[in-house]
Protein backbone atom coordinates (compact mmCIF):
# COMPACT_ATOMS: atom_id res chain seq x y z
CA MET A 1 92.73 77.48 52.24
CA THR A 2 94.79 80.23 52.21
CA SER A 3 97.54 81.15 54.82
CA ILE A 4 97.07 84.53 56.50
CA ARG A 5 100.79 86.50 57.24
CA LEU A 6 100.86 89.09 59.85
CA LYS A 7 103.93 91.63 59.40
CA PHE A 8 103.91 94.20 62.29
CA LYS A 9 105.37 97.73 62.19
CA ARG A 10 107.11 98.36 65.73
CA ASP A 11 107.24 102.15 64.98
CA ALA A 12 102.97 101.64 64.41
CA PHE A 13 102.93 100.33 68.18
CA TYR A 14 105.24 102.99 69.36
CA ASP A 15 103.03 105.96 67.89
CA LEU A 16 100.13 104.66 69.06
CA ARG A 17 101.28 104.36 72.78
CA ARG A 18 101.75 107.88 72.71
CA ALA A 19 98.72 108.60 70.81
CA PRO A 20 97.20 112.04 73.04
CA LYS A 21 93.78 109.97 73.94
CA VAL A 22 95.51 107.23 75.29
CA ILE A 23 98.34 109.90 77.25
CA ASP A 24 94.67 111.68 78.54
CA PHE A 25 93.06 107.94 79.80
CA LEU A 26 96.09 107.03 81.67
CA GLU A 27 96.65 110.63 83.04
CA ALA A 28 92.97 111.01 83.91
CA ALA A 29 93.17 107.20 85.83
CA GLY A 30 96.10 108.59 87.49
CA GLU A 31 94.82 111.53 88.58
CA SER A 32 92.13 109.85 89.69
CA MET A 33 93.99 107.39 92.07
CA MET A 34 96.02 110.64 93.31
CA THR A 35 93.04 112.56 94.17
CA ASP A 36 91.71 109.95 96.10
CA ALA A 37 94.85 108.98 97.83
CA ASN A 38 95.33 112.60 99.06
CA LYS A 39 91.39 112.45 100.18
CA THR A 40 93.07 110.08 102.67
CA LEU A 41 95.06 112.41 104.43
CA GLU A 42 94.21 115.03 106.63
CA GLU A 43 96.79 117.58 105.16
CA ASN A 44 95.67 116.83 101.32
CA VAL A 45 98.87 116.89 99.79
CA GLY A 46 100.85 113.60 100.07
CA TYR A 47 100.89 112.15 96.83
CA ARG A 48 101.50 113.20 93.78
CA MET A 49 101.38 111.79 89.95
CA SER A 50 103.95 111.68 87.32
CA SER A 51 103.78 110.82 83.88
CA SER A 52 106.29 109.89 81.14
CA GLN A 53 107.20 107.56 78.44
CA GLY A 54 109.68 105.02 78.52
CA ALA A 55 112.81 104.60 76.29
CA LYS A 56 111.89 103.60 72.98
CA LYS A 57 114.00 99.63 73.47
CA PRO A 58 111.57 98.45 71.60
CA GLN A 59 108.25 99.43 73.63
CA GLY A 60 108.45 103.20 74.85
CA ARG A 61 105.50 102.38 76.62
CA TRP A 62 103.83 105.39 78.39
CA ALA A 63 104.12 105.12 82.53
CA VAL A 64 101.85 107.00 85.11
CA ARG A 65 103.23 106.59 88.93
CA VAL A 66 101.51 107.73 92.07
CA PHE A 67 103.95 108.10 94.77
CA THR A 68 104.05 109.53 97.71
CA SER A 69 105.83 113.17 98.45
CA SER A 70 105.71 113.57 102.41
CA ASP A 71 106.69 111.51 105.34
CA HIS A 72 102.99 111.78 106.97
CA ALA A 73 101.86 110.45 103.56
CA LYS A 74 104.88 107.41 103.60
CA ARG A 75 103.51 106.57 107.04
CA SER A 76 100.05 106.20 105.86
CA ASN A 77 100.53 104.12 102.92
CA ALA A 78 102.98 101.80 104.96
CA ILE A 79 100.37 101.46 107.47
CA ASN A 80 96.77 101.55 105.72
CA ASN A 81 98.35 100.13 102.16
CA THR A 82 96.61 102.86 100.44
CA LEU A 83 97.93 103.18 96.98
CA LEU A 84 97.00 99.62 96.75
CA LYS A 85 93.99 99.38 98.04
CA LEU A 86 92.89 102.35 95.32
CA LEU A 87 93.94 100.08 92.87
CA ASP A 88 91.76 97.38 93.59
């Protein structure tokens, strides 16, 4: 029986994580969550999204974050757990 040996190229993983289609997918999911969260507010501008790549130590994963940007959104999220409910 032959044995198979795999050798992973870390740079290939890094390139895959910053591929345009992967970034588009993650940002679309973040935009959708941000839009849904803003619909729960009266002012519709309390949640924002950021998208960036982490440091290459060694992964360099792409991260999309949805966060509160106004006091009204902070209070609403604290009371209703809006962001947590949207993840489900």
